[in-house]
Protein backbone atom coordinates (compact mmCIF):
# COMPACT_ATOMS: atom_id res chain seq x y z
CA MET A 1 -54.68 38.16 -27.64
CA THR A 2 -53.79 38.12 -23.93
CA GLY A 3 -56.85 36.14 -22.93
CA GLN A 4 -58.31 39.05 -21.00
CA ALA A 5 -61.68 40.55 -21.85
CA THR A 6 -61.69 43.96 -23.49
CA GLU A 7 -63.87 46.82 -22.38
CA ALA A 8 -66.27 47.56 -25.23
CA VAL A 9 -66.49 51.27 -24.42
CA LYS A 10 -62.71 51.69 -24.52
CA VAL A 11 -62.43 49.76 -27.77
CA GLU A 12 -65.23 51.80 -29.35
CA ARG A 13 -63.62 55.07 -28.28
CA ALA A 14 -60.21 53.98 -29.61
CA VAL A 15 -61.72 52.91 -32.94
CA THR A 16 -63.54 56.23 -33.26
CA GLU A 17 -60.32 58.17 -32.62
CA LEU A 18 -58.42 55.96 -35.04
CA ASN A 19 -61.02 56.51 -37.75
CA GLY A 20 -60.60 60.26 -37.33
CA THR A 21 -56.86 59.89 -37.79
CA LEU A 22 -57.30 57.65 -40.83
CA ASP A 23 -59.70 60.21 -42.33
CA LYS A 24 -57.00 62.88 -41.95
CA LEU A 25 -54.34 60.69 -43.53
CA GLU A 26 -56.59 60.19 -46.55
CA SER A 27 -57.93 63.73 -46.90
CA MET A 28 -54.81 65.71 -46.05
CA PHE A 29 -51.64 63.72 -46.54
CA LEU A 30 -52.63 61.33 -49.33
CA LYS A 31 -55.05 63.67 -51.08
CA SER A 32 -52.84 64.36 -54.07
CA GLN A 33 -49.59 62.50 -53.50
CA PRO A 34 -48.56 58.84 -53.30
CA PHE A 35 -46.77 59.03 -49.95
CA LEU A 36 -47.38 61.02 -46.76
CA CYS A 37 -44.76 63.67 -47.51
CA GLY A 38 -44.69 63.69 -51.29
CA ASP A 39 -43.71 61.56 -54.24
CA ASP A 40 -41.14 59.43 -52.41
CA ILE A 41 -41.35 57.21 -49.37
CA SER A 42 -40.14 58.90 -46.18
CA LEU A 43 -39.64 58.24 -42.50
CA ALA A 44 -43.22 59.43 -41.98
CA ASP A 45 -44.51 56.53 -44.11
CA LEU A 46 -42.35 54.02 -42.24
CA LEU A 47 -43.50 55.20 -38.83
CA ALA A 48 -47.15 55.40 -39.85
CA ILE A 49 -47.27 51.99 -41.50
CA CYS A 50 -45.67 50.36 -38.46
CA GLU A 51 -48.33 51.86 -36.20
CA LEU A 52 -51.20 51.00 -38.52
CA MET A 53 -50.03 47.41 -38.86
CA GLN A 54 -50.09 46.83 -35.07
CA PRO A 55 -53.82 45.99 -34.82
CA LEU A 56 -53.18 43.00 -37.11
CA ALA A 57 -51.77 41.25 -34.06
CA GLY A 58 -55.31 41.17 -32.70
CA GLY A 59 -56.84 40.18 -36.01
CA ARG A 60 -58.03 43.68 -37.01
CA ASP A 61 -56.96 45.25 -40.30
CA VAL A 62 -57.80 48.93 -39.75
CA LEU A 63 -57.19 49.72 -43.43
CA GLN A 64 -59.53 47.01 -44.70
CA ASP A 65 -62.36 49.28 -45.89
CA ARG A 66 -60.16 52.20 -46.96
CA PRO A 67 -59.06 51.85 -50.59
CA LYS A 68 -56.85 54.95 -50.55
CA LEU A 69 -54.94 53.73 -47.49
CA LEU A 70 -54.74 50.19 -48.83
CA ALA A 71 -53.17 51.55 -52.02
CA TRP A 72 -50.72 53.57 -49.90
CA ARG A 73 -49.83 50.48 -47.86
CA SER A 74 -49.24 48.62 -51.11
CA ARG A 75 -46.92 51.39 -52.34
CA VAL A 76 -44.99 51.32 -49.06
CA GLN A 77 -44.78 47.54 -49.21
CA SER A 78 -43.58 47.69 -52.81
CA ALA A 79 -40.94 50.29 -51.95
CA LEU A 80 -39.64 48.21 -49.06
CA GLN A 81 -39.90 44.88 -50.88
CA ASP A 82 -39.08 41.89 -48.63
CA SER A 83 -38.13 44.16 -45.73
CA PHE A 84 -41.80 45.01 -45.22
CA ASP A 85 -42.82 41.43 -44.55
CA ASP A 86 -39.64 40.73 -42.60
CA ALA A 87 -40.47 43.63 -40.27
CA HIS A 88 -44.02 42.40 -39.74
CA VAL A 89 -43.50 38.64 -39.49
CA VAL A 90 -44.36 38.58 -35.77
CA LEU A 91 -47.58 40.51 -36.42
CA TYR A 92 -48.53 38.08 -39.17
CA ARG A 93 -48.02 35.15 -36.79
CA LEU A 94 -50.12 36.77 -34.08
CA ARG A 95 -52.82 37.61 -36.64
CA ASP A 96 -52.92 34.02 -37.83
CA LYS A 97 -53.06 32.78 -34.24
CA ALA A 98 -55.97 35.15 -33.49
CA LYS A 99 -57.94 33.61 -36.38
CA LEU A 100 -57.87 30.17 -34.72
């Protein structure tokens, strides 16, 4: 994204840590409820989705192979309606640019 090379070891370590966090979100917070703190969307969902959307700017969808988290993202997006895409429009542009 910035034109600078990434250090493979740092990226691998970050991805490993992220996967651990994603595992916890699935197994603890979304185990038996639609949102992170219960049946309704909360500030926790908003903060988490904003963080998990950030890698899209570099062309990486960290939820891609995680059906439970993809369903959660879809519920958050549905709850927020157009505001979801409005909040992430810059990320979408950067993602599309990274694909070129």
